[in-house]
Protein backbone atom coordinates (compact mmCIF):
# COMPACT_ATOMS: atom_id res chain seq x y z
CA UNK A 1 0.00 0.00 0.00
CA UNK A 2 1.54 3.29 -1.12
CA UNK A 3 1.30 6.31 1.12
CA UNK A 4 1.28 9.93 0.11
CA UNK A 5 3.70 12.40 1.71
CA UNK A 6 2.10 14.85 4.14
CA UNK A 7 0.88 18.03 2.49
CA UNK A 8 2.46 20.21 5.17
CA UNK A 9 5.98 18.78 4.71
CA UNK A 10 8.86 21.15 3.94
CA UNK A 11 10.08 20.64 0.40
CA UNK A 12 13.77 20.24 -0.38
CA UNK A 13 13.75 23.65 -2.09
CA UNK A 14 12.64 25.43 1.08
CA UNK A 15 14.35 28.70 1.91
CA UNK A 16 13.93 30.43 5.23
CA UNK A 17 12.06 33.74 5.10
CA UNK A 18 14.26 36.81 4.84
CA UNK A 19 14.75 38.64 8.08
CA UNK A 20 15.73 42.27 7.39
CA UNK A 21 17.43 42.51 10.77
CA UNK A 22 19.90 39.77 9.82
CA UNK A 23 22.46 41.18 7.39
CA UNK A 24 24.89 38.51 6.28
CA UNK A 25 26.28 39.88 3.01
CA UNK A 26 29.73 41.53 3.20
CA UNK A 27 28.52 45.01 2.19
CA UNK A 28 25.77 45.10 4.83
CA UNK A 29 28.17 43.72 7.44
CA UNK A 30 30.69 46.45 6.60
CA UNK A 31 28.05 49.17 6.87
CA UNK A 32 26.89 47.74 10.19
CA UNK A 33 30.49 47.80 11.49
CA UNK A 34 30.96 51.43 10.43
CA UNK A 35 27.65 52.32 12.09
CA UNK A 36 28.71 50.54 15.28
CA UNK A 37 32.06 52.36 15.29
CA UNK A 38 30.26 55.68 14.90
CA UNK A 39 27.88 54.91 17.74
CA UNK A 40 30.86 54.09 19.96
CA UNK A 41 32.48 57.46 19.19
CA UNK A 42 35.09 56.22 16.73
CA UNK A 43 35.55 57.13 13.09
CA UNK A 44 37.53 55.92 10.12
CA UNK A 45 40.01 58.26 8.49
CA UNK A 46 42.70 57.76 5.86
CA UNK A 47 46.21 57.06 7.11
CA UNK A 48 47.52 59.67 4.69
CA UNK A 49 45.24 62.67 4.17
CA UNK A 50 44.88 64.27 0.75
CA UNK A 51 46.95 67.41 0.21
CA UNK A 52 43.75 69.38 -0.39
CA UNK A 53 42.52 68.46 3.10
CA UNK A 54 45.77 69.56 4.71
CA UNK A 55 45.77 72.86 2.78
CA UNK A 56 42.13 73.51 3.67
CA UNK A 57 42.68 72.89 7.38
CA UNK A 58 45.85 75.00 7.38
CA UNK A 59 44.04 77.91 5.73
CA UNK A 60 40.99 77.65 8.00
CA UNK A 61 43.01 77.65 11.23
CA UNK A 62 45.83 79.95 10.14
CA UNK A 63 48.63 77.41 10.44
CA UNK A 64 51.15 76.11 7.95
CA UNK A 65 50.42 72.92 5.98
CA UNK A 66 53.29 71.23 7.84
CA UNK A 67 51.68 72.12 11.18
CA UNK A 68 48.30 70.84 10.00
CA UNK A 69 49.90 67.60 8.80
CA UNK A 70 51.73 67.26 12.11
CA UNK A 71 48.48 67.59 14.04
CA UNK A 72 46.84 65.00 11.79
CA UNK A 73 49.74 62.61 12.33
CA UNK A 74 49.57 63.13 16.08
CA UNK A 75 45.82 62.47 16.22
CA UNK A 76 46.13 59.45 13.94
CA UNK A 77 49.02 58.10 16.02
CA UNK A 78 51.59 58.19 13.23
CA UNK A 79 55.11 59.46 13.56
CA UNK A 80 56.99 61.36 10.89
CA UNK A 81 58.23 58.18 9.14
CA UNK A 82 55.26 55.91 9.82
CA UNK A 83 52.95 57.38 7.20
CA UNK A 84 53.11 55.93 3.71
C-alpha atoms as a PDB file:
ATOM      1  CA  UNK A   1       0.000   0.000   0.000  1.00  0.00           C
ATOM      2  CA  UNK A   2       1.537   3.295  -1.123  1.00  0.00           C
ATOM      3  CA  UNK A   3       1.297   6.308   1.116  1.00  0.00           C
ATOM      4  CA  UNK A   4       1.275   9.935   0.109  1.00  0.00           C
ATOM      5  CA  UNK A   5       3.704  12.401   1.713  1.00  0.00           C
ATOM      6  CA  UNK A   6       2.101  14.849   4.136  1.00  0.00           C
ATOM      7  CA  UNK A   7       0.877  18.028   2.489  1.00  0.00           C
ATOM      8  CA  UNK A   8       2.455  20.214   5.171  1.00  0.00           C
ATOM      9  CA  UNK A   9       5.977  18.784   4.712  1.00  0.00           C
ATOM     10  CA  UNK A  10       8.859  21.153   3.944  1.00  0.00           C
ATOM     11  CA  UNK A  11      10.083  20.645   0.400  1.00  0.00           C
ATOM     12  CA  UNK A  12      13.774  20.236  -0.384  1.00  0.00           C
ATOM     13  CA  UNK A  13      13.748  23.652  -2.088  1.00  0.00           C
ATOM     14  CA  UNK A  14      12.637  25.428   1.079  1.00  0.00           C
ATOM     15  CA  UNK A  15      14.352  28.698   1.905  1.00  0.00           C
ATOM     16  CA  UNK A  16      13.926  30.435   5.227  1.00  0.00           C
ATOM     17  CA  UNK A  17      12.059  33.735   5.102  1.00  0.00           C
ATOM     18  CA  UNK A  18      14.263  36.812   4.836  1.00  0.00           C
ATOM     19  CA  UNK A  19      14.752  38.638   8.082  1.00  0.00           C
ATOM     20  CA  UNK A  20      15.728  42.267   7.387  1.00  0.00           C
ATOM     21  CA  UNK A  21      17.435  42.513  10.775  1.00  0.00           C
ATOM     22  CA  UNK A  22      19.900  39.770   9.817  1.00  0.00           C
ATOM     23  CA  UNK A  23      22.462  41.180   7.392  1.00  0.00           C
ATOM     24  CA  UNK A  24      24.893  38.506   6.278  1.00  0.00           C
ATOM     25  CA  UNK A  25      26.282  39.880   3.015  1.00  0.00           C
ATOM     26  CA  UNK A  26      29.729  41.533   3.205  1.00  0.00           C
ATOM     27  CA  UNK A  27      28.519  45.006   2.195  1.00  0.00           C
ATOM     28  CA  UNK A  28      25.774  45.095   4.833  1.00  0.00           C
ATOM     29  CA  UNK A  29      28.168  43.720   7.439  1.00  0.00           C
ATOM     30  CA  UNK A  30      30.687  46.453   6.604  1.00  0.00           C
ATOM     31  CA  UNK A  31      28.049  49.168   6.870  1.00  0.00           C
ATOM     32  CA  UNK A  32      26.894  47.736  10.188  1.00  0.00           C
ATOM     33  CA  UNK A  33      30.487  47.804  11.487  1.00  0.00           C
ATOM     34  CA  UNK A  34      30.956  51.431  10.425  1.00  0.00           C
ATOM     35  CA  UNK A  35      27.651  52.324  12.087  1.00  0.00           C
ATOM     36  CA  UNK A  36      28.712  50.538  15.279  1.00  0.00           C
ATOM     37  CA  UNK A  37      32.062  52.358  15.295  1.00  0.00           C
ATOM     38  CA  UNK A  38      30.261  55.685  14.898  1.00  0.00           C
ATOM     39  CA  UNK A  39      27.882  54.909  17.742  1.00  0.00           C
ATOM     40  CA  UNK A  40      30.857  54.092  19.962  1.00  0.00           C
ATOM     41  CA  UNK A  41      32.483  57.460  19.192  1.00  0.00           C
ATOM     42  CA  UNK A  42      35.095  56.218  16.733  1.00  0.00           C
ATOM     43  CA  UNK A  43      35.545  57.129  13.093  1.00  0.00           C
ATOM     44  CA  UNK A  44      37.529  55.919  10.125  1.00  0.00           C
ATOM     45  CA  UNK A  45      40.006  58.260   8.488  1.00  0.00           C
ATOM     46  CA  UNK A  46      42.697  57.757   5.863  1.00  0.00           C
ATOM     47  CA  UNK A  47      46.215  57.060   7.113  1.00  0.00           C
ATOM     48  CA  UNK A  48      47.519  59.671   4.685  1.00  0.00           C
ATOM     49  CA  UNK A  49      45.244  62.668   4.165  1.00  0.00           C
ATOM     50  CA  UNK A  50      44.885  64.268   0.754  1.00  0.00           C
ATOM     51  CA  UNK A  51      46.954  67.411   0.214  1.00  0.00           C
ATOM     52  CA  UNK A  52      43.745  69.380  -0.386  1.00  0.00           C
ATOM     53  CA  UNK A  53      42.517  68.462   3.098  1.00  0.00           C
ATOM     54  CA  UNK A  54      45.770  69.560   4.713  1.00  0.00           C
ATOM     55  CA  UNK A  55      45.775  72.861   2.783  1.00  0.00           C
ATOM     56  CA  UNK A  56      42.132  73.512   3.667  1.00  0.00           C
ATOM     57  CA  UNK A  57      42.682  72.889   7.379  1.00  0.00           C
ATOM     58  CA  UNK A  58      45.854  75.001   7.378  1.00  0.00           C
ATOM     59  CA  UNK A  59      44.040  77.907   5.734  1.00  0.00           C
ATOM     60  CA  UNK A  60      40.994  77.649   7.999  1.00  0.00           C
ATOM     61  CA  UNK A  61      43.007  77.652  11.231  1.00  0.00           C
ATOM     62  CA  UNK A  62      45.831  79.953  10.144  1.00  0.00           C
ATOM     63  CA  UNK A  63      48.631  77.411  10.439  1.00  0.00           C
ATOM     64  CA  UNK A  64      51.147  76.106   7.951  1.00  0.00           C
ATOM     65  CA  UNK A  65      50.417  72.924   5.977  1.00  0.00           C
ATOM     66  CA  UNK A  66      53.291  71.234   7.840  1.00  0.00           C
ATOM     67  CA  UNK A  67      51.681  72.121  11.178  1.00  0.00           C
ATOM     68  CA  UNK A  68      48.302  70.842  10.005  1.00  0.00           C
ATOM     69  CA  UNK A  69      49.897  67.601   8.802  1.00  0.00           C
ATOM     70  CA  UNK A  70      51.733  67.259  12.115  1.00  0.00           C
ATOM     71  CA  UNK A  71      48.480  67.593  14.037  1.00  0.00           C
ATOM     72  CA  UNK A  72      46.840  64.999  11.791  1.00  0.00           C
ATOM     73  CA  UNK A  73      49.744  62.605  12.332  1.00  0.00           C
ATOM     74  CA  UNK A  74      49.571  63.132  16.080  1.00  0.00           C
ATOM     75  CA  UNK A  75      45.823  62.470  16.224  1.00  0.00           C
ATOM     76  CA  UNK A  76      46.128  59.448  13.935  1.00  0.00           C
ATOM     77  CA  UNK A  77      49.021  58.100  16.021  1.00  0.00           C
ATOM     78  CA  UNK A  78      51.587  58.185  13.225  1.00  0.00           C
ATOM     79  CA  UNK A  79      55.108  59.458  13.555  1.00  0.00           C
ATOM     80  CA  UNK A  80      56.986  61.362  10.888  1.00  0.00           C
ATOM     81  CA  UNK A  81      58.229  58.181   9.139  1.00  0.00           C
ATOM     82  CA  UNK A  82      55.264  55.911   9.825  1.00  0.00           C
ATOM     83  CA  UNK A  83      52.948  57.380   7.199  1.00  0.00           C
ATOM     84  CA  UNK A  84      53.109  55.930   3.710  1.00  0.00           C
END
